[in-house]
Amino acid sequence: MESLWVRPWSHHTQLMNHICFRHVTKLPLMSLHSRSLFRSFCITLNSTQTTAESQVLGNDVVNGSRTLRSRERTRDKSFDAQLKQNWLNSLSCPFPVDGGSVGYDSLALDWVLGIDPDTSGAVAILKPNLSDYTAEVFDSPSLPVLVGKRVRRRLDAKSIYQLLKSLEAPLGTRAYIEQSTPFPQDGKQGWWSSGFGYGLWIGILLASGFSVIPVPSKRWKNGLELSQSRSSKDYSRLLASKLFPTLSTQLKRKKDHGRAEALLIAAYGQGIKVDADLLSLPTE
């Protein structure tokens, strides 16, 4: 009977080599049926070993990912806090000059601005008086511009600068501005307009000597107890009218919601608390 010389496979699976071909072996010539069974046996062993190795490798990858995520969480607590502080420091006034330091005006801590940076938004200011605060609110200056073939309204940078200067606020006055958060349904123009207004306000405020503090809408609304059921623009107008009754005539129209939110942002920045009776306001 003829003999068939078979050498070990070049595959790196040691278990396969150990069981099937530890040494060069002479095997009798097998029938087609026997060879088919033999191949099936070897393939089964090889698949079993590969599956076992994959499971071990998979466990290592999962464990490694968990360790990496744990390290990232540990790092985030300090690293992210530092990044946030660096961002706020870059938005603070006044700036040191020639290596020296410039002190804040002592009145700056008592003044607060609140800004709704949308084109239909407003800027509100709270100034201290003998017993309370005097509130004022101004619509954001804007002008019509041609965008493509359509006329749209955009913020008027020069008029905003002149308005801020006319307030005569102390150097370093805190300006709380609602952080821009565009929604998917706003579309490209809405995203662009929102980001443009937000950045423009920050730049002008900082150049005018204000210390800018971005605040997400959810944060200032939670601070004034504006829950989900009370987060409508109409409720904002009602609440602002109660907090600042002398300005209620300027908050009657639906389109006055920008004024109302600017006032409420300023109230949040000043730490004004909402009384329980105000929270029971009916919605329109």
Protein backbone atom coordinates (compact mmCIF):
# COMPACT_ATOMS: atom_id res chain seq x y z
CA MET A 1 0.00 0.00 0.00
CA GLU A 2 1.29 3.45 -0.88
CA SER A 3 2.08 5.90 1.89
CA LEU A 4 1.14 9.55 2.15
CA TRP A 5 3.61 11.98 3.70
CA VAL A 6 1.90 14.68 5.77
CA ARG A 7 3.74 17.61 7.38
CA PRO A 8 2.51 19.80 10.23
CA TRP A 9 0.36 22.79 9.28
CA SER A 10 2.00 26.18 9.24
CA HIS A 11 -0.93 27.52 11.29
CA HIS A 12 0.10 28.99 14.63
CA THR A 13 -2.50 27.13 16.65
CA GLN A 14 -0.40 24.99 18.96
CA LEU A 15 -3.30 22.86 20.14
CA MET A 16 -3.94 21.71 16.58
CA ASN A 17 -0.30 20.72 16.05
CA HIS A 18 -0.11 18.96 19.40
CA ILE A 19 -3.10 16.74 18.76
CA CYS A 20 -2.85 16.02 15.05
CA PHE A 21 0.77 16.24 13.96
CA ARG A 22 3.32 16.35 16.73
CA HIS A 23 5.90 14.71 14.47
CA VAL A 24 6.20 14.03 10.77
CA THR A 25 4.18 10.86 10.43
CA LYS A 26 3.58 8.32 7.74
CA LEU A 27 -0.10 7.62 7.34
CA PRO A 28 -1.69 5.02 5.13
CA LEU A 29 -3.50 6.35 2.12
CA MET A 30 -7.06 7.00 3.20
CA SER A 31 -10.24 6.68 1.29
CA LEU A 32 -12.14 9.77 0.26
CA HIS A 33 -14.69 9.15 3.00
CA SER A 34 -12.00 8.75 5.67
CA ARG A 35 -10.21 11.91 4.53
CA SER A 36 -13.47 13.86 4.71
CA LEU A 37 -14.07 12.71 8.28
CA PHE A 38 -10.47 13.54 9.20
CA ARG A 39 -10.77 17.07 7.83
CA SER A 40 -14.01 17.64 9.73
CA PHE A 41 -12.31 16.54 12.95
CA CYS A 42 -9.38 18.92 12.46
CA ILE A 43 -11.60 21.85 11.49
CA THR A 44 -13.77 21.29 14.57
CA LEU A 45 -10.73 21.35 16.84
CA ASN A 46 -9.37 24.44 15.15
CA SER A 47 -12.72 26.26 15.40
CA THR A 48 -13.05 25.35 19.07
CA GLN A 49 -9.60 26.72 19.83
CA THR A 50 -10.23 29.88 17.81
CA THR A 51 -13.52 30.48 19.66
CA ALA A 52 -11.80 30.01 23.01
CA GLU A 53 -9.04 32.43 22.05
CA SER A 54 -11.61 34.96 20.84
CA GLN A 55 -13.47 34.77 24.13
CA VAL A 56 -10.26 35.32 26.10
CA LEU A 57 -9.27 38.19 23.81
CA GLY A 58 -12.76 39.65 24.05
CA ASN A 59 -12.65 39.55 27.85
CA ASP A 60 -9.28 41.31 27.79
CA VAL A 61 -10.66 44.01 25.48
CA VAL A 62 -13.75 44.52 27.65
CA ASN A 63 -11.69 44.69 30.83
CA GLY A 64 -9.28 47.10 29.16
CA SER A 65 -12.15 49.32 28.01
CA ARG A 66 -13.62 49.40 31.50
CA THR A 67 -10.26 50.39 32.94
CA LEU A 68 -9.85 53.11 30.32
CA ARG A 69 -13.34 54.49 30.97
CA SER A 70 -12.66 54.47 34.70
CA ARG A 71 -9.47 56.46 34.17
CA GLU A 72 -11.31 58.90 31.90
CA ARG A 73 -14.02 59.46 34.51
CA THR A 74 -11.36 60.10 37.15
CA ARG A 75 -9.58 62.52 34.86
CA ASP A 76 -12.74 64.30 33.75
CA LYS A 77 -13.61 65.53 37.24
CA SER A 78 -10.48 67.65 37.50
CA PHE A 79 -9.57 68.14 33.85
CA ASP A 80 -13.03 69.28 32.76
CA ALA A 81 -13.33 71.61 35.75
CA GLN A 82 -10.05 73.23 34.80
CA LEU A 83 -11.14 73.63 31.18
CA LYS A 84 -14.36 75.31 32.32
CA GLN A 85 -12.46 77.66 34.62
CA ASN A 86 -10.02 78.56 31.83
CA TRP A 87 -12.99 79.41 29.61
CA LEU A 88 -14.55 81.66 32.25
CA ASN A 89 -11.21 83.34 32.97
CA SER A 90 -10.89 84.20 29.28
CA LEU A 91 -14.27 85.97 29.47
CA SER A 92 -13.52 88.01 32.59
CA CYS A 93 -12.72 91.70 32.82
CA PRO A 94 -10.68 93.70 33.58
CA PHE A 95 -7.40 92.42 32.14
CA PRO A 96 -3.94 92.81 33.68
CA VAL A 97 -1.89 95.53 31.99
CA ASP A 98 1.89 95.23 31.56
CA GLY A 99 2.15 92.50 34.18
CA GLY A 100 0.26 94.50 36.78
CA SER A 101 -3.23 93.96 38.10
CA VAL A 102 -6.37 95.97 37.57
CA GLY A 103 -8.95 95.93 40.35
CA TYR A 104 -12.70 95.64 39.88
CA ASP A 105 -14.93 98.59 40.55
CA SER A 106 -16.47 98.00 43.97
CA LEU A 107 -19.95 98.57 42.50
CA ALA A 108 -19.50 95.89 39.83
CA LEU A 109 -20.58 93.10 42.18
CA ASP A 110 -23.99 94.76 42.65
CA TRP A 111 -24.79 95.22 38.97
CA VAL A 112 -26.00 92.39 36.74
CA LEU A 113 -26.88 92.08 33.08
CA GLY A 114 -29.07 89.36 31.56
CA ILE A 115 -28.93 88.71 27.83
CA ASP A 116 -31.13 86.67 25.52
CA PRO A 117 -28.76 86.64 22.50
CA ASP A 118 -31.34 85.85 19.80
CA THR A 119 -32.18 88.41 17.16
CA SER A 120 -35.58 88.79 18.85
CA GLY A 121 -33.93 88.83 22.28
CA ALA A 122 -33.10 91.61 24.70
CA VAL A 123 -30.69 92.82 27.35
CA ALA A 124 -31.80 93.57 30.92
CA ILE A 125 -29.90 95.34 33.66
CA LEU A 126 -30.40 95.30 37.43
CA LYS A 127 -28.91 98.26 39.27
CA PRO A 128 -28.89 98.61 43.06
CA ASN A 129 -30.81 101.38 44.78
CA LEU A 130 -31.37 102.15 48.47
CA SER A 131 -33.48 99.09 49.27
CA ASP A 132 -33.78 96.96 46.14
CA TYR A 133 -32.86 96.87 42.47
CA THR A 134 -33.88 99.06 39.58
CA ALA A 135 -34.59 97.04 36.44
CA GLU A 136 -34.43 98.11 32.82
CA VAL A 137 -34.81 96.08 29.64
CA PHE A 138 -33.93 96.90 26.03
CA ASP A 139 -34.64 95.03 22.81
CA SER A 140 -31.54 93.77 21.02
CA PRO A 141 -30.69 96.24 18.24
CA SER A 142 -31.06 94.65 14.82
CA LEU A 143 -31.32 95.64 11.18
CA PRO A 144 -32.50 94.03 7.93
CA VAL A 145 -29.80 92.52 5.73
CA LEU A 146 -29.87 90.69 2.43
CA VAL A 147 -29.06 86.97 2.81
CA GLY A 148 -29.01 85.36 -0.60
CA LYS A 149 -32.26 86.55 -2.16
CA ARG A 150 -34.12 87.01 1.11
CA VAL A 151 -34.15 89.85 3.62
CA ARG A 152 -33.43 88.69 7.17
CA ARG A 153 -32.82 90.48 10.45
CA ARG A 154 -29.36 90.39 12.00
CA LEU A 155 -27.97 91.92 15.19
CA ASP A 156 -26.58 95.44 14.81
CA ALA A 157 -23.09 95.27 16.36
CA LYS A 158 -22.48 99.02 16.42
CA SER A 159 -25.83 99.79 18.10
CA ILE A 160 -25.25 97.02 20.69
CA TYR A 161 -21.90 98.57 21.59
CA GLN A 162 -23.47 102.02 21.92
CA LEU A 163 -26.30 100.63 24.06
CA LEU A 164 -23.89 98.93 26.46
CA LYS A 165 -21.83 102.10 26.79
CA SER A 166 -24.95 104.13 27.57
CA LEU A 167 -25.66 101.89 30.59
CA GLU A 168 -22.53 103.27 32.31
CA ALA A 169 -22.05 99.99 34.16
CA PRO A 170 -18.96 99.64 36.39
CA LEU A 171 -15.93 97.88 34.95
CA GLY A 172 -16.20 94.13 35.48
CA THR A 173 -20.00 94.02 35.79
CA ARG A 174 -21.27 90.45 35.44
CA ALA A 175 -23.19 89.72 32.25
CA TYR A 176 -25.13 86.45 32.24
CA ILE A 177 -25.86 85.30 28.70
CA GLU A 178 -27.98 82.33 27.70
CA GLN A 179 -25.75 79.71 26.14
CA SER A 180 -26.57 79.06 22.51
CA THR A 181 -28.15 75.63 21.96
CA PRO A 182 -29.62 75.30 18.45
CA PHE A 183 -32.26 72.64 17.85
CA PRO A 184 -32.30 70.27 14.85
CA GLN A 185 -35.60 71.68 13.62
CA ASP A 186 -34.10 75.19 13.42
CA GLY A 187 -32.32 74.41 10.16
CA LYS A 188 -29.03 75.78 8.85
CA GLN A 189 -30.10 79.42 8.95
CA GLY A 190 -31.32 79.04 12.53
CA TRP A 191 -28.04 77.40 13.61
CA TRP A 192 -25.98 80.10 11.92
CA SER A 193 -28.06 82.96 13.32
CA SER A 194 -28.01 81.50 16.84
CA GLY A 195 -24.25 80.99 16.87
CA PHE A 196 -23.60 84.38 15.27
CA GLY A 197 -25.69 86.24 17.85
CA TYR A 198 -24.16 84.36 20.77
CA GLY A 199 -20.59 85.00 19.64
CA LEU A 200 -21.27 88.62 18.72
CA TRP A 201 -22.73 89.42 22.13
CA ILE A 202 -19.80 87.77 23.94
CA GLY A 203 -17.25 89.71 21.91
CA ILE A 204 -18.92 93.09 22.39
CA LEU A 205 -19.57 92.52 26.10
CA LEU A 206 -15.97 91.55 26.75
CA ALA A 207 -14.60 94.47 24.73
CA SER A 208 -16.92 96.80 26.67
CA GLY A 209 -15.50 95.75 30.05
CA PHE A 210 -18.08 93.19 31.22
CA SER A 211 -17.33 89.79 32.74
CA VAL A 212 -19.30 87.31 30.67
CA ILE A 213 -20.87 84.22 32.26
CA PRO A 214 -22.57 81.81 29.81
CA VAL A 215 -25.45 79.89 31.39
CA PRO A 216 -27.52 77.09 29.82
CA SER A 217 -31.25 77.79 29.63
CA LYS A 218 -32.04 74.71 31.71
CA ARG A 219 -29.86 75.97 34.55
CA TRP A 220 -31.35 79.42 34.92
CA LYS A 221 -34.89 78.07 34.50
CA ASN A 222 -34.31 75.48 37.20
CA GLY A 223 -32.87 78.20 39.41
CA LEU A 224 -36.15 80.10 39.13
CA GLU A 225 -38.25 76.96 39.63
CA LEU A 226 -39.42 76.97 36.03
CA SER A 227 -40.31 73.30 35.65
CA GLN A 228 -41.19 71.64 32.37
CA SER A 229 -44.85 72.61 32.74
CA ARG A 230 -43.87 76.24 33.37
CA SER A 231 -41.17 76.61 30.73
CA SER A 232 -43.30 78.25 28.03
CA LYS A 233 -42.53 81.73 26.81
CA ASP A 234 -45.93 82.95 28.04
CA TYR A 235 -45.16 81.78 31.55
CA SER A 236 -41.81 83.57 31.37
CA ARG A 237 -43.66 86.81 30.63
CA LEU A 238 -46.03 86.25 33.54
CA LEU A 239 -43.25 85.47 35.98
CA ALA A 240 -41.14 88.43 34.85
CA SER A 241 -44.17 90.71 35.27
CA LYS A 242 -44.55 89.51 38.86
CA LEU A 243 -40.87 89.88 39.70
CA PHE A 244 -40.62 93.31 38.02
CA PRO A 245 -44.11 94.88 38.20
CA THR A 246 -42.86 98.29 37.05
CA LEU A 247 -42.02 96.70 33.68
CA SER A 248 -45.22 94.69 33.24
CA THR A 249 -46.52 97.03 30.52
CA GLN A 250 -43.45 96.12 28.43
CA LEU A 251 -44.19 92.39 28.69
CA LYS A 252 -47.82 92.16 27.56
CA ARG A 253 -47.32 90.99 23.98
CA LYS A 254 -46.30 87.48 22.98
CA LYS A 255 -43.31 88.83 21.10
CA ASP A 256 -42.04 90.37 24.37
CA HIS A 257 -40.80 86.97 25.56
CA GLY A 258 -37.22 88.03 24.73
CA ARG A 259 -37.50 90.90 27.22
CA ALA A 260 -38.97 88.58 29.83
CA GLU A 261 -36.21 85.99 29.48
CA ALA A 262 -33.50 88.65 29.65
CA LEU A 263 -35.01 89.89 32.92
CA LEU A 264 -35.24 86.36 34.31
CA ILE A 265 -31.63 85.60 33.37
CA ALA A 266 -30.57 88.76 35.20
CA ALA A 267 -32.69 87.72 38.19
CA TYR A 268 -30.97 84.33 38.19
CA GLY A 269 -27.56 86.02 38.08
CA GLN A 270 -28.51 88.27 40.99
CA GLY A 271 -29.65 85.27 43.04
CA ILE A 272 -33.26 86.40 43.29
CA LYS A 273 -35.49 83.63 44.66
CA VAL A 274 -39.03 82.97 43.48
CA ASP A 275 -41.73 82.95 46.20
CA ALA A 276 -44.21 80.08 46.46
CA ASP A 277 -47.16 82.30 45.50
CA LEU A 278 -45.47 83.24 42.25
CA LEU A 279 -45.03 79.56 41.37
CA SER A 280 -48.82 79.14 41.42
CA LEU A 281 -49.28 81.51 38.51
CA PRO A 282 -51.79 80.24 35.94
CA THR A 283 -50.59 79.69 32.40
CA GLU A 284 -52.38 81.38 29.53
